[in-house]
Amino acid sequence: MGTDRSYFPVTKFSIEQSDGITCISEYLRQRTVDVFGVANEMRVIHNFVNCDIYRPQEGKRNEEKSLVHISNSAR
């Protein structure tokens, strides 16, 4: 999808109407600003997980709920 012109109007509308926008890098944040011309705040959350720190604990069941978002956009 990205900067494909056929998706431009719906992508720009979606970004402008979102309550929160995240990007995986400063480069992609800046490209979004440059391409779509939106002024909404965008937070950079790097696409990184330290598996030495974040891993399931053996034998322990966690009752807390988790929210996970995984996505991929191909050009």
PDB file of N, CA and C in Angstrom:
ATOM      1  N   MET A   1       0.853  -1.170   0.000  1.00  0.00           N
ATOM      2  CA  MET A   1       0.000   0.000   0.000  1.00  0.00           C
ATOM      3  C   MET A   1       0.901   1.236   0.000  1.00  0.00           C
ATOM      4  N   GLY A   2       1.443   1.620   1.124  1.00  0.00           N
ATOM      5  CA  GLY A   2       2.396   2.726   1.191  1.00  0.00           C
ATOM      6  C   GLY A   2       1.947   3.966   0.445  1.00  0.00           C
ATOM      7  N   THR A   3       2.724   4.362  -0.553  1.00  0.00           N
ATOM      8  CA  THR A   3       2.433   5.586  -1.294  1.00  0.00           C
ATOM      9  C   THR A   3       1.726   5.321  -2.615  1.00  0.00           C
ATOM     10  N   ASP A   4       1.176   4.143  -2.814  1.00  0.00           N
ATOM     11  CA  ASP A   4       0.399   3.829  -4.017  1.00  0.00           C
ATOM     12  C   ASP A   4      -0.713   4.869  -4.148  1.00  0.00           C
ATOM     13  N   ARG A   5      -0.729   5.607  -5.251  1.00  0.00           N
ATOM     14  CA  ARG A   5      -1.664   6.722  -5.426  1.00  0.00           C
ATOM     15  C   ARG A   5      -3.131   6.297  -5.321  1.00  0.00           C
ATOM     16  N   SER A   6      -3.447   5.058  -5.691  1.00  0.00           N
ATOM     17  CA  SER A   6      -4.847   4.631  -5.627  1.00  0.00           C
ATOM     18  C   SER A   6      -5.352   4.529  -4.175  1.00  0.00           C
ATOM     19  N   TYR A   7      -4.441   4.358  -3.228  1.00  0.00           N
ATOM     20  CA  TYR A   7      -4.814   4.272  -1.814  1.00  0.00           C
ATOM     21  C   TYR A   7      -4.654   5.603  -1.080  1.00  0.00           C
ATOM     22  N   PHE A   8      -4.096   6.594  -1.761  1.00  0.00           N
ATOM     23  CA  PHE A   8      -3.751   7.857  -1.112  1.00  0.00           C
ATOM     24  C   PHE A   8      -4.916   8.487  -0.346  1.00  0.00           C
ATOM     25  N   PRO A   9      -6.095   8.695  -0.970  1.00  0.00           N
ATOM     26  CA  PRO A   9      -7.181   9.373  -0.235  1.00  0.00           C
ATOM     27  C   PRO A   9      -7.615   8.630   1.026  1.00  0.00           C
ATOM     28  N   VAL A  10      -7.790   7.331   0.947  1.00  0.00           N
ATOM     29  CA  VAL A  10      -8.259   6.579   2.117  1.00  0.00           C
ATOM     30  C   VAL A  10      -7.167   6.491   3.185  1.00  0.00           C
ATOM     31  N   THR A  11      -5.916   6.396   2.774  1.00  0.00           N
ATOM     32  CA  THR A  11      -4.821   6.345   3.743  1.00  0.00           C
ATOM     33  C   THR A  11      -4.688   7.681   4.462  1.00  0.00           C
ATOM     34  N   LYS A  12      -4.718   8.776   3.718  1.00  0.00           N
ATOM     35  CA  LYS A  12      -4.628  10.112   4.325  1.00  0.00           C
ATOM     36  C   LYS A  12      -5.798  10.342   5.279  1.00  0.00           C
ATOM     37  N   PHE A  13      -7.006  10.001   4.856  1.00  0.00           N
ATOM     38  CA  PHE A  13      -8.186  10.151   5.707  1.00  0.00           C
ATOM     39  C   PHE A  13      -8.029   9.336   6.992  1.00  0.00           C
ATOM     40  N   SER A  14      -7.590   8.094   6.854  1.00  0.00           N
ATOM     41  CA  SER A  14      -7.431   7.210   8.018  1.00  0.00           C
ATOM     42  C   SER A  14      -6.411   7.762   9.004  1.00  0.00           C
ATOM     43  N   ILE A  15      -5.304   8.269   8.491  1.00  0.00           N
ATOM     44  CA  ILE A  15      -4.274   8.841   9.358  1.00  0.00           C
ATOM     45  C   ILE A  15      -4.828  10.065  10.085  1.00  0.00           C
ATOM     46  N   GLU A  16      -5.492  10.944   9.342  1.00  0.00           N
ATOM     47  CA  GLU A  16      -5.998  12.179   9.937  1.00  0.00           C
ATOM     48  C   GLU A  16      -7.107  11.943  10.960  1.00  0.00           C
ATOM     49  N   GLN A  17      -7.849  10.860  10.816  1.00  0.00           N
ATOM     50  CA  GLN A  17      -8.960  10.573  11.724  1.00  0.00           C
ATOM     51  C   GLN A  17      -8.574   9.670  12.893  1.00  0.00           C
ATOM     52  N   SER A  18      -7.334   9.206  12.916  1.00  0.00           N
ATOM     53  CA  SER A  18      -6.881   8.293  13.971  1.00  0.00           C
ATOM     54  C   SER A  18      -6.610   9.030  15.274  1.00  0.00           C
ATOM     55  N   ASP A  19      -6.915   8.369  16.387  1.00  0.00           N
ATOM     56  CA  ASP A  19      -6.632   8.923  17.710  1.00  0.00           C
ATOM     57  C   ASP A  19      -5.171   8.751  18.094  1.00  0.00           C
ATOM     58  N   GLY A  20      -4.510   7.768  17.506  1.00  0.00           N
ATOM     59  CA  GLY A  20      -3.105   7.516  17.799  1.00  0.00           C
ATOM     60  C   GLY A  20      -2.429   6.914  16.591  1.00  0.00           C
ATOM     61  N   ILE A  21      -1.229   7.392  16.300  1.00  0.00           N
ATOM     62  CA  ILE A  21      -0.485   6.903  15.138  1.00  0.00           C
ATOM     63  C   ILE A  21       0.908   6.518  15.600  1.00  0.00           C
ATOM     64  N   THR A  22       1.337   5.317  15.220  1.00  0.00           N
ATOM     65  CA  THR A  22       2.696   4.884  15.534  1.00  0.00           C
ATOM     66  C   THR A  22       3.430   4.532  14.256  1.00  0.00           C
ATOM     67  N   CYS A  23       4.734   4.700  14.301  1.00  0.00           N
ATOM     68  CA  CYS A  23       5.628   4.336  13.198  1.00  0.00           C
ATOM     69  C   CYS A  23       6.779   3.544  13.793  1.00  0.00           C
ATOM     70  N   ILE A  24       7.391   2.672  12.986  1.00  0.00           N
ATOM     71  CA  ILE A  24       8.481   1.848  13.516  1.00  0.00           C
ATOM     72  C   ILE A  24       9.846   2.522  13.418  1.00  0.00           C
ATOM     73  N   SER A  25       9.921   3.692  12.770  1.00  0.00           N
ATOM     74  CA  SER A  25      11.197   4.398  12.682  1.00  0.00           C
ATOM     75  C   SER A  25      10.938   5.883  12.463  1.00  0.00           C
ATOM     76  N   GLU A  26      11.935   6.684  12.768  1.00  0.00           N
ATOM     77  CA  GLU A  26      11.851   8.126  12.504  1.00  0.00           C
ATOM     78  C   GLU A  26      11.750   8.369  11.001  1.00  0.00           C
ATOM     79  N   TYR A  27      12.443   7.553  10.222  1.00  0.00           N
ATOM     80  CA  TYR A  27      12.380   7.690   8.760  1.00  0.00           C
ATOM     81  C   TYR A  27      10.936   7.529   8.268  1.00  0.00           C
ATOM     82  N   LEU A  28      10.242   6.482   8.717  1.00  0.00           N
ATOM     83  CA  LEU A  28       8.866   6.270   8.274  1.00  0.00           C
ATOM     84  C   LEU A  28       7.917   7.341   8.815  1.00  0.00           C
ATOM     85  N   ARG A  29       8.185   7.848  10.008  1.00  0.00           N
ATOM     86  CA  ARG A  29       7.387   8.952  10.531  1.00  0.00           C
ATOM     87  C   ARG A  29       7.519  10.173   9.624  1.00  0.00           C
ATOM     88  N   GLN A  30       8.760  10.504   9.275  1.00  0.00           N
ATOM     89  CA  GLN A  30       9.002  11.673   8.427  1.00  0.00           C
ATOM     90  C   GLN A  30       8.444  11.473   7.020  1.00  0.00           C
ATOM     91  N   ARG A  31       8.573  10.271   6.468  1.00  0.00           N
ATOM     92  CA  ARG A  31       8.002   9.983   5.137  1.00  0.00           C
ATOM     93  C   ARG A  31       6.485  10.146   5.153  1.00  0.00           C
ATOM     94  N   THR A  32       5.835   9.723   6.240  1.00  0.00           N
ATOM     95  CA  THR A  32       4.385   9.866   6.357  1.00  0.00           C
ATOM     96  C   THR A  32       4.007  11.340   6.357  1.00  0.00           C
ATOM     97  N   VAL A  33       4.749  12.147   7.088  1.00  0.00           N
ATOM     98  CA  VAL A  33       4.512  13.592   7.108  1.00  0.00           C
ATOM     99  C   VAL A  33       4.719  14.178   5.704  1.00  0.00           C
ATOM    100  N   ASP A  34       5.829  13.813   5.066  1.00  0.00           N
ATOM    101  CA  ASP A  34       6.162  14.361   3.746  1.00  0.00           C
ATOM    102  C   ASP A  34       5.161  13.947   2.669  1.00  0.00           C
ATOM    103  N   VAL A  35       4.782  12.678   2.647  1.00  0.00           N
ATOM    104  CA  VAL A  35       3.920  12.151   1.582  1.00  0.00           C
ATOM    105  C   VAL A  35       2.464  12.557   1.781  1.00  0.00           C
ATOM    106  N   PHE A  36       1.972  12.432   3.014  1.00  0.00           N
ATOM    107  CA  PHE A  36       0.545  12.654   3.261  1.00  0.00           C
ATOM    108  C   PHE A  36       0.234  14.041   3.812  1.00  0.00           C
ATOM    109  N   GLY A  37       1.251  14.777   4.222  1.00  0.00           N
ATOM    110  CA  GLY A  37       1.049  16.142   4.684  1.00  0.00           C
ATOM    111  C   GLY A  37       0.162  16.265   5.910  1.00  0.00           C
ATOM    112  N   VAL A  38       0.231  15.294   6.789  1.00  0.00           N
ATOM    113  CA  VAL A  38      -0.598  15.343   7.992  1.00  0.00           C
ATOM    114  C   VAL A  38       0.184  15.963   9.151  1.00  0.00           C
ATOM    115  N   ALA A  39      -0.542  16.633  10.025  1.00  0.00           N
ATOM    116  CA  ALA A  39       0.091  17.292  11.167  1.00  0.00           C
ATOM    117  C   ALA A  39      -0.118  16.529  12.469  1.00  0.00           C
ATOM    118  N   ASN A  40      -0.849  15.408  12.413  1.00  0.00           N
ATOM    119  CA  ASN A  40      -1.108  14.623  13.620  1.00  0.00           C
ATOM    120  C   ASN A  40       0.208  14.178  14.257  1.00  0.00           C
ATOM    121  N   GLU A  41       0.187  14.099  15.592  1.00  0.00           N
ATOM    122  CA  GLU A  41       1.354  13.578  16.294  1.00  0.00           C
ATOM    123  C   GLU A  41       1.518  12.100  15.961  1.00  0.00           C
ATOM    124  N   MET A  42       2.732  11.686  15.688  1.00  0.00           N
ATOM    125  CA  MET A  42       3.046  10.277  15.442  1.00  0.00           C
ATOM    126  C   MET A  42       4.184   9.878  16.362  1.00  0.00           C
ATOM    127  N   ARG A  43       4.002   8.776  17.070  1.00  0.00           N
ATOM    128  CA  ARG A  43       5.032   8.287  17.989  1.00  0.00           C
ATOM    129  C   ARG A  43       5.816   7.164  17.329  1.00  0.00           C
ATOM    130  N   VAL A  44       7.118   7.214  17.489  1.00  0.00           N
ATOM    131  CA  VAL A  44       7.980   6.158  16.975  1.00  0.00           C
ATOM    132  C   VAL A  44       8.120   5.090  18.046  1.00  0.00           C
ATOM    133  N   ILE A  45       7.723   3.877  17.699  1.00  0.00           N
ATOM    134  CA  ILE A  45       7.925   2.712  18.550  1.00  0.00           C
ATOM    135  C   ILE A  45       8.711   1.725  17.707  1.00  0.00           C
ATOM    136  N   HIS A  46       9.981   1.617  18.015  1.00  0.00           N
ATOM    137  CA  HIS A  46      10.864   0.793  17.196  1.00  0.00           C
ATOM    138  C   HIS A  46      10.418  -0.667  17.179  1.00  0.00           C
ATOM    139  N   ASN A  47      10.583  -1.276  16.044  1.00  0.00           N
ATOM    140  CA  ASN A  47      10.186  -2.656  15.821  1.00  0.00           C
ATOM    141  C   ASN A  47      11.263  -3.578  16.403  1.00  0.00           C
ATOM    142  N   PHE A  48      11.230  -3.746  17.730  1.00  0.00           N
ATOM    143  CA  PHE A  48      12.282  -4.496  18.398  1.00  0.00           C
ATOM    144  C   PHE A  48      11.752  -5.139  19.666  1.00  0.00           C
ATOM    145  N   VAL A  49      12.110  -6.360  19.880  1.00  0.00           N
ATOM    146  CA  VAL A  49      11.789  -7.054  21.122  1.00  0.00           C
ATOM    147  C   VAL A  49      13.062  -7.755  21.598  1.00  0.00           C
ATOM    148  N   ASN A  50      13.459  -7.506  22.827  1.00  0.00           N
ATOM    149  CA  ASN A  50      14.617  -8.163  23.405  1.00  0.00           C
ATOM    150  C   ASN A  50      14.141  -9.490  24.008  1.00  0.00           C
ATOM    151  N   CYS A  51      14.388 -10.574  23.285  1.00  0.00           N
ATOM    152  CA  CYS A  51      13.897 -11.895  23.713  1.00  0.00           C
ATOM    153  C   CYS A  51      14.611 -12.424  24.954  1.00  0.00           C
ATOM    154  N   ASP A  52      15.725 -11.799  25.345  1.00  0.00           N
ATOM    155  CA  ASP A  52      16.381 -12.187  26.597  1.00  0.00           C
ATOM    156  C   ASP A  52      15.595 -11.666  27.802  1.00  0.00           C
ATOM    157  N   ILE A  53      14.870 -10.578  27.601  1.00  0.00           N
ATOM    158  CA  ILE A  53      14.084  -9.983  28.676  1.00  0.00           C
ATOM    159  C   ILE A  53      12.629 -10.428  28.598  1.00  0.00           C
ATOM    160  N   TYR A  54      12.055 -10.383  27.412  1.00  0.00           N
ATOM    161  CA  TYR A  54      10.626 -10.668  27.231  1.00  0.00           C
ATOM    162  C   TYR A  54      10.425 -12.075  26.686  1.00  0.00           C
ATOM    163  N   ARG A  55      10.127 -12.984  27.591  1.00  0.00           N
ATOM    164  CA  ARG A  55       9.871 -14.382  27.217  1.00  0.00           C
ATOM    165  C   ARG A  55       8.917 -14.978  28.240  1.00  0.00           C
ATOM    166  N   PRO A  56       8.190 -15.994  27.848  1.00  0.00           N
ATOM    167  CA  PRO A  56       7.271 -16.630  28.807  1.00  0.00           C
ATOM    168  C   PRO A  56       8.043 -17.238  29.976  1.00  0.00           C
ATOM    169  N   GLN A  57       7.467 -17.128  31.149  1.00  0.00           N
ATOM    170  CA  GLN A  57       8.078 -17.751  32.314  1.00  0.00           C
ATOM    171  C   GLN A  57       7.590 -19.191  32.394  1.00  0.00           C
ATOM    172  N   GLU A  58       8.516 -20.106  32.513  1.00  0.00           N
ATOM    173  CA  GLU A  58       8.170 -21.519  32.563  1.00  0.00           C
ATOM    174  C   GLU A  58       7.301 -21.827  33.778  1.00  0.00           C
ATOM    175  N   GLY A  59       6.241 -22.575  33.555  1.00  0.00           N
ATOM    176  CA  GLY A  59       5.387 -23.032  34.635  1.00  0.00           C
ATOM    177  C   GLY A  59       4.475 -21.972  35.239  1.00  0.00           C
ATOM    178  N   LYS A  60       4.477 -20.779  34.697  1.00  0.00           N
ATOM    179  CA  LYS A  60       3.637 -19.721  35.257  1.00  0.00           C
ATOM    180  C   LYS A  60       2.584 -19.312  34.228  1.00  0.00           C
ATOM    181  N   ARG A  61       1.344 -19.321  34.670  1.00  0.00           N
ATOM    182  CA  ARG A  61       0.255 -18.887  33.807  1.00  0.00           C
ATOM    183  C   ARG A  61      -0.080 -17.443  34.172  1.00  0.00           C
ATOM    184  N   ASN A  62      -0.037 -16.587  33.202  1.00  0.00           N
ATOM    185  CA  ASN A  62      -0.310 -15.173  33.420  1.00  0.00           C
ATOM    186  C   ASN A  62      -1.784 -14.902  33.158  1.00  0.00           C
ATOM    187  N   GLU A  63      -2.482 -14.373  34.142  1.00  0.00           N
ATOM    188  CA  GLU A  63      -3.912 -14.075  34.014  1.00  0.00           C
ATOM    189  C   GLU A  63      -4.174 -12.719  33.359  1.00  0.00           C
ATOM    190  N   GLU A  64      -3.129 -11.916  33.200  1.00  0.00           N
ATOM    191  CA  GLU A  64      -3.307 -10.616  32.555  1.00  0.00           C
ATOM    192  C   GLU A  64      -3.569 -10.804  31.066  1.00  0.00           C
ATOM    193  N   LYS A  65      -4.363  -9.904  30.502  1.00  0.00           N
ATOM    194  CA  LYS A  65      -4.622  -9.905  29.070  1.00  0.00           C
ATOM    195  C   LYS A  65      -3.518  -9.137  28.356  1.00  0.00           C
ATOM    196  N   SER A  66      -3.228  -9.545  27.140  1.00  0.00           N
ATOM    197  CA  SER A  66      -2.228  -8.867  26.319  1.00  0.00           C
ATOM    198  C   SER A  66      -2.871  -8.403  25.028  1.00  0.00           C
ATOM    199  N   LEU A  67      -2.404  -7.286  24.532  1.00  0.00           N
ATOM    200  CA  LEU A  67      -2.833  -6.776  23.238  1.00  0.00           C
ATOM    201  C   LEU A  67      -1.619  -6.808  22.335  1.00  0.00           C
ATOM    202  N   VAL A  68      -1.747  -7.469  21.204  1.00  0.00           N
ATOM    203  CA  VAL A  68      -0.637  -7.589  20.272  1.00  0.00           C
ATOM    204  C   VAL A  68      -1.088  -7.139  18.899  1.00  0.00           C
ATOM    205  N   HIS A  69      -0.252  -6.376  18.220  1.00  0.00           N
ATOM    206  CA  HIS A  69      -0.530  -5.935  16.854  1.00  0.00           C
ATOM    207  C   HIS A  69       0.656  -6.347  15.993  1.00  0.00           C
ATOM    208  N   ILE A  70       0.384  -7.080  14.940  1.00  0.00           N
ATOM    209  CA  ILE A  70       1.427  -7.484  14.013  1.00  0.00           C
ATOM    210  C   ILE A  70       0.922  -7.139  12.620  1.00  0.00           C
ATOM    211  N   SER A  71       1.768  -6.471  11.842  1.00  0.00           N
ATOM    212  CA  SER A  71       1.333  -6.120  10.494  1.00  0.00           C
ATOM    213  C   SER A  71       2.520  -6.062   9.554  1.00  0.00           C
ATOM    214  N   ASN A  72       2.189  -6.060   8.286  1.00  0.00           N
ATOM    215  CA  ASN A  72       3.209  -5.957   7.264  1.00  0.00           C
ATOM    216  C   ASN A  72       2.550  -5.309   6.041  1.00  0.00           C
ATOM    217  N   SER A  73       3.179  -4.316   5.499  1.00  0.00           N
ATOM    218  CA  SER A  73       2.679  -3.671   4.278  1.00  0.00           C
ATOM    219  C   SER A  73       3.707  -3.874   3.190  1.00  0.00           C
ATOM    220  N   ALA A  74       3.300  -4.493   2.119  1.00  0.00           N
ATOM    221  CA  ALA A  74       4.202  -4.715   0.983  1.00  0.00           C
ATOM    222  C   ALA A  74       3.885  -3.702  -0.105  1.00  0.00           C
ATOM    223  N   ARG A  75       4.865  -3.333  -0.826  1.00  0.00           N
ATOM    224  CA  ARG A  75       4.646  -2.398  -1.939  1.00  0.00           C
ATOM    225  C   ARG A  75       4.245  -3.134  -3.169  1.00  0.00           C
TER     226      ARG A  75
END
